């Protein structure tokens, strides 16, 4: 009788693992270990390519902005981005730390170092792939978004009226007028931006689909909620970024 009970217990335990697999993947690795190995595997690649799309939504659910871009990450040269759609927000070339936090290697490495919570979504995992849900704390999520948005604002601040195509055709008085207006707009924008950044609070979660065999990411989806003060009113905005990894070398 004891042997029969033990047999049933073993069968039941196996069924639970097969059905749910919440803590340990089919390879025997925990979600945390699988995440760490994937980050290392991605960083070890000499070069990889990805496509990405970013969109933002206001509280009413209306899409405010869509941006699409292609990216290449080289181990010794950092990130290069080529925007393929939407308003110009991204720099063309990044550094080894990741331009505006759009470098997947730097982004995932930061989440790992911040000891973000990692769970396995068994319903979207199988023998070949694992879906990891990564949740940083609010402090880390806010840091990521503050650096990302600040990088975009710095790109705007670096623009000058002289860079416009028709500048050389303007007379001196018109140039002075435009430069004066530009300076005032920039000052006002700086105040508005500082107010938003000082009041910014973010929440974020990441869904990372991993190739269990190669230990590289297949896709990464970031979902964020930003709260900040704009023109004296508290505002919320939802952001989503989807990375689709294409090739590794």
C-alpha atoms as a PDB file:
ATOM      1  CA  UNK A   1       0.000   0.000   0.000  1.00  0.00           C
ATOM      2  CA  UNK A   2       2.835   2.421   0.859  1.00  0.00           C
ATOM      3  CA  UNK A   3       4.477   1.696  -2.494  1.00  0.00           C
ATOM      4  CA  UNK A   4       1.208   2.372  -4.328  1.00  0.00           C
ATOM      5  CA  UNK A   5       0.727   5.667  -2.468  1.00  0.00           C
ATOM      6  CA  UNK A   6       4.291   6.691  -3.322  1.00  0.00           C
ATOM      7  CA  UNK A   7       3.694   5.843  -6.996  1.00  0.00           C
ATOM      8  CA  UNK A   8       0.540   7.973  -7.084  1.00  0.00           C
ATOM      9  CA  UNK A   9       2.427  10.793  -5.337  1.00  0.00           C
ATOM     10  CA  UNK A  10       5.191  10.705  -7.970  1.00  0.00           C
ATOM     11  CA  UNK A  11       2.658  10.668 -10.835  1.00  0.00           C
ATOM     12  CA  UNK A  12       0.738  13.568  -9.276  1.00  0.00           C
ATOM     13  CA  UNK A  13       3.930  15.588  -8.817  1.00  0.00           C
ATOM     14  CA  UNK A  14       4.895  15.041 -12.454  1.00  0.00           C
ATOM     15  CA  UNK A  15       1.453  16.142 -13.600  1.00  0.00           C
ATOM     16  CA  UNK A  16       1.692  19.324 -11.547  1.00  0.00           C
ATOM     17  CA  UNK A  17       5.084  20.143 -13.052  1.00  0.00           C
ATOM     18  CA  UNK A  18       3.888  19.476 -16.587  1.00  0.00           C
ATOM     19  CA  UNK A  19       0.699  21.470 -16.184  1.00  0.00           C
ATOM     20  CA  UNK A  20       1.996  24.490 -14.344  1.00  0.00           C
ATOM     21  CA  UNK A  21       5.804  24.663 -14.333  1.00  0.00           C
ATOM     22  CA  UNK A  22       5.628  27.974 -12.496  1.00  0.00           C
ATOM     23  CA  UNK A  23       9.023  27.903 -10.820  1.00  0.00           C
ATOM     24  CA  UNK A  24      11.274  25.734 -12.960  1.00  0.00           C
ATOM     25  CA  UNK A  25      11.392  25.351 -16.740  1.00  0.00           C
ATOM     26  CA  UNK A  26      11.603  22.072 -18.633  1.00  0.00           C
ATOM     27  CA  UNK A  27      15.393  22.379 -18.692  1.00  0.00           C
ATOM     28  CA  UNK A  28      15.498  22.419 -14.904  1.00  0.00           C
ATOM     29  CA  UNK A  29      16.496  26.079 -14.799  1.00  0.00           C
ATOM     30  CA  UNK A  30      14.670  28.564 -12.621  1.00  0.00           C
ATOM     31  CA  UNK A  31      13.196  31.680 -14.296  1.00  0.00           C
ATOM     32  CA  UNK A  32      15.925  33.805 -12.688  1.00  0.00           C
ATOM     33  CA  UNK A  33      18.680  31.535 -14.023  1.00  0.00           C
ATOM     34  CA  UNK A  34      17.118  31.424 -17.479  1.00  0.00           C
ATOM     35  CA  UNK A  35      16.914  35.222 -17.537  1.00  0.00           C
ATOM     36  CA  UNK A  36      20.536  35.609 -16.424  1.00  0.00           C
ATOM     37  CA  UNK A  37      21.801  33.138 -19.040  1.00  0.00           C
ATOM     38  CA  UNK A  38      19.788  34.865 -21.772  1.00  0.00           C
ATOM     39  CA  UNK A  39      21.228  38.275 -20.880  1.00  0.00           C
ATOM     40  CA  UNK A  40      24.735  36.777 -20.965  1.00  0.00           C
ATOM     41  CA  UNK A  41      24.010  34.997 -24.241  1.00  0.00           C
ATOM     42  CA  UNK A  42      22.806  38.201 -25.870  1.00  0.00           C
ATOM     43  CA  UNK A  43      25.776  40.234 -24.646  1.00  0.00           C
ATOM     44  CA  UNK A  44      28.198  37.608 -25.960  1.00  0.00           C
ATOM     45  CA  UNK A  45      26.940  37.936 -29.533  1.00  0.00           C
ATOM     46  CA  UNK A  46      29.239  39.793 -31.889  1.00  0.00           C
ATOM     47  CA  UNK A  47      26.299  41.418 -33.677  1.00  0.00           C
ATOM     48  CA  UNK A  48      22.519  41.106 -33.786  1.00  0.00           C
ATOM     49  CA  UNK A  49      19.637  42.829 -35.559  1.00  0.00           C
ATOM     50  CA  UNK A  50      16.145  43.697 -34.409  1.00  0.00           C
ATOM     51  CA  UNK A  51      13.030  45.585 -35.421  1.00  0.00           C
ATOM     52  CA  UNK A  52      11.035  47.591 -32.916  1.00  0.00           C
ATOM     53  CA  UNK A  53       7.871  49.609 -32.629  1.00  0.00           C
ATOM     54  CA  UNK A  54       6.936  52.113 -29.946  1.00  0.00           C
ATOM     55  CA  UNK A  55       3.553  53.680 -29.281  1.00  0.00           C
ATOM     56  CA  UNK A  56       2.014  55.869 -26.624  1.00  0.00           C
ATOM     57  CA  UNK A  57      -1.610  56.221 -25.542  1.00  0.00           C
ATOM     58  CA  UNK A  58      -3.336  58.874 -23.489  1.00  0.00           C
ATOM     59  CA  UNK A  59      -5.805  58.064 -20.712  1.00  0.00           C
ATOM     60  CA  UNK A  60      -8.757  57.859 -23.122  1.00  0.00           C
ATOM     61  CA  UNK A  61      -6.996  55.106 -25.068  1.00  0.00           C
ATOM     62  CA  UNK A  62      -6.257  57.258 -28.114  1.00  0.00           C
ATOM     63  CA  UNK A  63      -2.920  56.525 -29.779  1.00  0.00           C
ATOM     64  CA  UNK A  64      -0.802  59.673 -29.632  1.00  0.00           C
ATOM     65  CA  UNK A  65       2.331  58.554 -31.404  1.00  0.00           C
ATOM     66  CA  UNK A  66       3.733  55.543 -33.255  1.00  0.00           C
ATOM     67  CA  UNK A  67       7.432  55.137 -33.957  1.00  0.00           C
ATOM     68  CA  UNK A  68       9.138  52.286 -35.815  1.00  0.00           C
ATOM     69  CA  UNK A  69      12.848  51.637 -36.118  1.00  0.00           C
ATOM     70  CA  UNK A  70      15.484  49.065 -37.069  1.00  0.00           C
ATOM     71  CA  UNK A  71      18.422  48.413 -34.797  1.00  0.00           C
ATOM     72  CA  UNK A  72      21.854  46.805 -34.960  1.00  0.00           C
ATOM     73  CA  UNK A  73      23.922  46.094 -31.850  1.00  0.00           C
ATOM     74  CA  UNK A  74      27.633  45.369 -32.263  1.00  0.00           C
ATOM     75  CA  UNK A  75      29.630  44.257 -29.266  1.00  0.00           C
ATOM     76  CA  UNK A  76      32.434  46.776 -29.804  1.00  0.00           C
ATOM     77  CA  UNK A  77      30.545  49.600 -31.526  1.00  0.00           C
ATOM     78  CA  UNK A  78      27.324  49.753 -29.500  1.00  0.00           C
ATOM     79  CA  UNK A  79      23.889  50.498 -30.913  1.00  0.00           C
ATOM     80  CA  UNK A  80      22.870  51.974 -34.251  1.00  0.00           C
ATOM     81  CA  UNK A  81      19.238  52.922 -34.847  1.00  0.00           C
ATOM     82  CA  UNK A  82      17.482  53.737 -38.083  1.00  0.00           C
ATOM     83  CA  UNK A  83      14.024  55.193 -37.677  1.00  0.00           C
ATOM     84  CA  UNK A  84      11.574  53.856 -40.272  1.00  0.00           C
ATOM     85  CA  UNK A  85       8.348  55.566 -39.204  1.00  0.00           C
ATOM     86  CA  UNK A  86       6.825  58.198 -36.935  1.00  0.00           C
ATOM     87  CA  UNK A  87       8.088  61.564 -35.663  1.00  0.00           C
ATOM     88  CA  UNK A  88      11.841  61.898 -35.317  1.00  0.00           C
ATOM     89  CA  UNK A  89      12.650  61.019 -31.705  1.00  0.00           C
ATOM     90  CA  UNK A  90      15.635  58.699 -31.804  1.00  0.00           C
ATOM     91  CA  UNK A  91      19.278  59.487 -32.319  1.00  0.00           C
ATOM     92  CA  UNK A  92      20.938  57.800 -35.270  1.00  0.00           C
ATOM     93  CA  UNK A  93      23.878  56.423 -33.324  1.00  0.00           C
ATOM     94  CA  UNK A  94      24.159  55.240 -29.725  1.00  0.00           C
ATOM     95  CA  UNK A  95      27.000  54.289 -27.427  1.00  0.00           C
ATOM     96  CA  UNK A  96      27.884  51.051 -25.677  1.00  0.00           C
ATOM     97  CA  UNK A  97      25.473  51.798 -22.836  1.00  0.00           C
ATOM     98  CA  UNK A  98      22.502  52.120 -25.153  1.00  0.00           C
ATOM     99  CA  UNK A  99      21.094  55.231 -26.751  1.00  0.00           C
ATOM    100  CA  UNK A 100      18.059  56.410 -24.762  1.00  0.00           C
ATOM    101  CA  UNK A 101      17.768  52.906 -23.269  1.00  0.00           C
ATOM    102  CA  UNK A 102      16.654  51.478 -26.612  1.00  0.00           C
ATOM    103  CA  UNK A 103      19.584  49.051 -26.607  1.00  0.00           C
ATOM    104  CA  UNK A 104      18.039  45.649 -25.679  1.00  0.00           C
ATOM    105  CA  UNK A 105      21.337  44.391 -24.220  1.00  0.00           C
ATOM    106  CA  UNK A 106      21.704  47.398 -21.922  1.00  0.00           C
ATOM    107  CA  UNK A 107      18.005  47.364 -21.034  1.00  0.00           C
ATOM    108  CA  UNK A 108      17.959  43.682 -20.039  1.00  0.00           C
ATOM    109  CA  UNK A 109      21.301  43.958 -18.253  1.00  0.00           C
ATOM    110  CA  UNK A 110      19.928  46.863 -16.205  1.00  0.00           C
ATOM    111  CA  UNK A 111      16.848  44.848 -15.243  1.00  0.00           C
ATOM    112  CA  UNK A 112      19.083  41.956 -14.201  1.00  0.00           C
ATOM    113  CA  UNK A 113      21.364  44.142 -12.079  1.00  0.00           C
ATOM    114  CA  UNK A 114      18.329  45.796 -10.466  1.00  0.00           C
ATOM    115  CA  UNK A 115      17.221  42.324  -9.292  1.00  0.00           C
ATOM    116  CA  UNK A 116      13.843  42.675 -10.971  1.00  0.00           C
ATOM    117  CA  UNK A 117      11.212  40.060 -10.199  1.00  0.00           C
ATOM    118  CA  UNK A 118      11.211  37.238 -12.779  1.00  0.00           C
ATOM    119  CA  UNK A 119       8.424  34.700 -13.285  1.00  0.00           C
ATOM    120  CA  UNK A 120       7.704  32.027 -15.881  1.00  0.00           C
ATOM    121  CA  UNK A 121       4.397  32.274 -17.727  1.00  0.00           C
ATOM    122  CA  UNK A 122       3.747  28.555 -18.226  1.00  0.00           C
ATOM    123  CA  UNK A 123       0.685  29.133 -20.407  1.00  0.00           C
ATOM    124  CA  UNK A 124       2.885  30.768 -23.064  1.00  0.00           C
ATOM    125  CA  UNK A 125       5.899  28.481 -22.682  1.00  0.00           C
ATOM    126  CA  UNK A 126       6.741  25.104 -24.191  1.00  0.00           C
ATOM    127  CA  UNK A 127       9.696  22.761 -24.589  1.00  0.00           C
ATOM    128  CA  UNK A 128      11.440  25.103 -27.022  1.00  0.00           C
ATOM    129  CA  UNK A 129      10.561  28.549 -25.687  1.00  0.00           C
ATOM    130  CA  UNK A 130      10.039  30.193 -22.321  1.00  0.00           C
ATOM    131  CA  UNK A 131       7.992  33.321 -21.666  1.00  0.00           C
ATOM    132  CA  UNK A 132       9.477  35.286 -18.777  1.00  0.00           C
ATOM    133  CA  UNK A 133       7.581  38.119 -17.108  1.00  0.00           C
ATOM    134  CA  UNK A 134      10.024  40.637 -15.624  1.00  0.00           C
ATOM    135  CA  UNK A 135       8.825  43.348 -13.258  1.00  0.00           C
ATOM    136  CA  UNK A 136      11.216  46.028 -11.970  1.00  0.00           C
ATOM    137  CA  UNK A 137      10.287  48.061  -8.926  1.00  0.00           C
ATOM    138  CA  UNK A 138       8.856  51.544  -9.413  1.00  0.00           C
ATOM    139  CA  UNK A 139      12.212  53.216  -8.730  1.00  0.00           C
ATOM    140  CA  UNK A 140      13.974  51.294 -11.505  1.00  0.00           C
ATOM    141  CA  UNK A 141      11.082  51.769 -13.954  1.00  0.00           C
ATOM    142  CA  UNK A 142      11.131  55.522 -13.301  1.00  0.00           C
ATOM    143  CA  UNK A 143      14.909  55.645 -13.776  1.00  0.00           C
ATOM    144  CA  UNK A 144      14.637  53.881 -17.151  1.00  0.00           C
ATOM    145  CA  UNK A 145      11.980  56.261 -18.413  1.00  0.00           C
ATOM    146  CA  UNK A 146      13.588  59.397 -17.017  1.00  0.00           C
ATOM    147  CA  UNK A 147      16.850  58.611 -18.826  1.00  0.00           C
ATOM    148  CA  UNK A 148      15.027  57.637 -22.011  1.00  0.00           C
ATOM    149  CA  UNK A 149      12.881  60.776 -22.123  1.00  0.00           C
ATOM    150  CA  UNK A 150      15.737  63.032 -21.067  1.00  0.00           C
ATOM    151  CA  UNK A 151      17.767  61.712 -23.980  1.00  0.00           C
ATOM    152  CA  UNK A 152      14.968  62.642 -26.359  1.00  0.00           C
ATOM    153  CA  UNK A 153      14.704  66.126 -24.868  1.00  0.00           C
ATOM    154  CA  UNK A 154      18.451  66.655 -25.199  1.00  0.00           C
ATOM    155  CA  UNK A 155      18.107  65.830 -28.910  1.00  0.00           C
ATOM    156  CA  UNK A 156      15.432  68.539 -29.213  1.00  0.00           C
ATOM    157  CA  UNK A 157      17.553  71.074 -27.296  1.00  0.00           C
ATOM    158  CA  UNK A 158      20.488  70.480 -29.632  1.00  0.00           C
ATOM    159  CA  UNK A 159      18.486  71.659 -32.652  1.00  0.00           C
ATOM    160  CA  UNK A 160      19.218  75.152 -33.957  1.00  0.00           C
ATOM    161  CA  UNK A 161      17.311  77.385 -36.426  1.00  0.00           C
ATOM    162  CA  UNK A 162      20.461  77.527 -38.565  1.00  0.00           C
ATOM    163  CA  UNK A 163      19.984  73.840 -39.364  1.00  0.00           C
ATOM    164  CA  UNK A 164      16.791  74.490 -41.344  1.00  0.00           C
ATOM    165  CA  UNK A 165      17.090  74.209 -45.122  1.00  0.00           C
ATOM    166  CA  UNK A 166      15.863  77.751 -45.873  1.00  0.00           C
ATOM    167  CA  UNK A 167      17.992  79.572 -43.293  1.00  0.00           C
ATOM    168  CA  UNK A 168      20.564  80.886 -45.762  1.00  0.00           C
ATOM    169  CA  UNK A 169      17.851  82.633 -47.801  1.00  0.00           C
ATOM    170  CA  UNK A 170      16.633  84.771 -44.868  1.00  0.00           C
ATOM    171  CA  UNK A 171      17.822  88.314 -44.264  1.00  0.00           C
ATOM    172  CA  UNK A 172      19.568  89.325 -41.035  1.00  0.00           C
ATOM    173  CA  UNK A 173      16.489  90.842 -39.337  1.00  0.00           C
ATOM    174  CA  UNK A 174      14.390  87.736 -40.006  1.00  0.00           C
ATOM    175  CA  UNK A 175      17.140  85.527 -38.638  1.00  0.00           C
ATOM    176  CA  UNK A 176      17.290  87.581 -35.411  1.00  0.00           C
ATOM    177  CA  UNK A 177      13.508  87.379 -35.067  1.00  0.00           C
ATOM    178  CA  UNK A 178      13.426  83.603 -35.511  1.00  0.00           C
ATOM    179  CA  UNK A 179      16.346  83.040 -33.131  1.00  0.00           C
ATOM    180  CA  UNK A 180      14.651  85.190 -30.499  1.00  0.00           C
ATOM    181  CA  UNK A 181      11.378  83.274 -30.789  1.00  0.00           C
ATOM    182  CA  UNK A 182      13.262  79.983 -30.754  1.00  0.00           C
ATOM    183  CA  UNK A 183      15.057  80.933 -27.540  1.00  0.00           C
ATOM    184  CA  UNK A 184      11.793  81.855 -25.793  1.00  0.00           C
ATOM    185  CA  UNK A 185      10.084  78.642 -26.913  1.00  0.00           C
ATOM    186  CA  UNK A 186      13.056  76.640 -25.666  1.00  0.00           C
ATOM    187  CA  UNK A 187      12.965  78.352 -22.265  1.00  0.00           C
ATOM    188  CA  UNK A 188       9.263  77.636 -21.897  1.00  0.00           C
ATOM    189  CA  UNK A 189       9.764  74.059 -23.052  1.00  0.00           C
ATOM    190  CA  UNK A 190      12.551  73.617 -20.503  1.00  0.00           C
ATOM    191  CA  UNK A 191      10.245  74.668 -17.667  1.00  0.00           C
ATOM    192  CA  UNK A 192       7.448  72.363 -18.828  1.00  0.00           C
ATOM    193  CA  UNK A 193       9.868  69.477 -19.297  1.00  0.00           C
ATOM    194  CA  UNK A 194      11.464  69.947 -15.876  1.00  0.00           C
ATOM    195  CA  UNK A 195       8.024  69.945 -14.260  1.00  0.00           C
ATOM    196  CA  UNK A 196       7.158  66.678 -15.981  1.00  0.00           C
ATOM    197  CA  UNK A 197      10.441  64.975 -15.155  1.00  0.00           C
ATOM    198  CA  UNK A 198      10.412  66.087 -11.514  1.00  0.00           C
ATOM    199  CA  UNK A 199       6.926  64.634 -11.059  1.00  0.00           C
ATOM    200  CA  UNK A 200       7.456  61.504 -13.182  1.00  0.00           C
ATOM    201  CA  UNK A 201       6.516  58.126 -11.715  1.00  0.00           C
ATOM    202  CA  UNK A 202       6.562  54.968 -13.827  1.00  0.00           C
ATOM    203  CA  UNK A 203       5.472  51.354 -13.625  1.00  0.00           C
ATOM    204  CA  UNK A 204       6.696  48.790 -16.143  1.00  0.00           C
ATOM    205  CA  UNK A 205       6.616  45.107 -16.976  1.00  0.00           C
ATOM    206  CA  UNK A 206       8.444  43.101 -19.623  1.00  0.00           C
ATOM    207  CA  UNK A 207       7.530  39.925 -21.476  1.00  0.00           C
ATOM    208  CA  UNK A 208      10.667  38.202 -22.734  1.00  0.00           C
ATOM    209  CA  UNK A 209      10.282  35.213 -25.052  1.00  0.00           C
ATOM    210  CA  UNK A 210      13.437  33.086 -24.866  1.00  0.00           C
ATOM    211  CA  UNK A 211      14.830  30.339 -27.093  1.00  0.00           C
ATOM    212  CA  UNK A 212      15.625  27.686 -24.485  1.00  0.00           C
ATOM    213  CA  UNK A 213      18.253  25.935 -26.626  1.00  0.00           C
ATOM    214  CA  UNK A 214      20.228  28.930 -27.902  1.00  0.00           C
ATOM    215  CA  UNK A 215      19.570  31.093 -24.817  1.00  0.00           C
ATOM    216  CA  UNK A 216      18.821  34.211 -26.848  1.00  0.00           C
ATOM    217  CA  UNK A 217      15.669  36.351 -26.892  1.00  0.00           C
ATOM    218  CA  UNK A 218      13.041  35.957 -29.595  1.00  0.00           C
ATOM    219  CA  UNK A 219      10.997  39.007 -28.640  1.00  0.00           C
ATOM    220  CA  UNK A 220      10.719  41.552 -25.846  1.00  0.00           C
ATOM    221  CA  UNK A 221       7.603  43.581 -25.062  1.00  0.00           C
ATOM    222  CA  UNK A 222       7.712  46.468 -22.618  1.00  0.00           C
ATOM    223  CA  UNK A 223       4.449  47.848 -21.205  1.00  0.00           C
ATOM    224  CA  UNK A 224       4.646  50.999 -19.085  1.00  0.00           C
ATOM    225  CA  UNK A 225       2.387  53.482 -17.359  1.00  0.00           C
ATOM    226  CA  UNK A 226       3.742  56.994 -16.856  1.00  0.00           C
ATOM    227  CA  UNK A 227       2.245  59.508 -14.451  1.00  0.00           C
ATOM    228  CA  UNK A 228       3.409  63.126 -14.379  1.00  0.00           C
ATOM    229  CA  UNK A 229       2.254  66.708 -13.940  1.00  0.00           C
ATOM    230  CA  UNK A 230       1.531  68.661 -17.135  1.00  0.00           C
ATOM    231  CA  UNK A 231       0.287  72.260 -17.100  1.00  0.00           C
ATOM    232  CA  UNK A 232      -0.745  71.906 -13.473  1.00  0.00           C
ATOM    233  CA  UNK A 233      -2.754  68.729 -14.049  1.00  0.00           C
ATOM    234  CA  UNK A 234      -1.891  65.145 -13.188  1.00  0.00           C
ATOM    235  CA  UNK A 235      -1.638  63.133 -16.408  1.00  0.00           C
ATOM    236  CA  UNK A 236      -1.255  59.441 -17.190  1.00  0.00           C
ATOM    237  CA  UNK A 237       0.149  57.920 -20.351  1.00  0.00           C
ATOM    238  CA  UNK A 238       0.573  54.308 -21.461  1.00  0.00           C
ATOM    239  CA  UNK A 239       3.620  53.327 -23.468  1.00  0.00           C
ATOM    240  CA  UNK A 240       4.504  50.100 -25.262  1.00  0.00           C
ATOM    241  CA  UNK A 241       7.700  49.050 -27.001  1.00  0.00           C
ATOM    242  CA  UNK A 242       7.983  45.777 -28.919  1.00  0.00           C
ATOM    243  CA  UNK A 243      11.387  44.376 -29.939  1.00  0.00           C
ATOM    244  CA  UNK A 244      11.524  41.516 -32.465  1.00  0.00           C
ATOM    245  CA  UNK A 245      14.976  39.928 -32.701  1.00  0.00           C
ATOM    246  CA  UNK A 246      15.931  38.843 -36.212  1.00  0.00           C
ATOM    247  CA  UNK A 247      19.460  37.502 -36.502  1.00  0.00           C
ATOM    248  CA  UNK A 248      22.460  36.756 -34.305  1.00  0.00           C
ATOM    249  CA  UNK A 249      26.107  36.248 -35.067  1.00  0.00           C
END
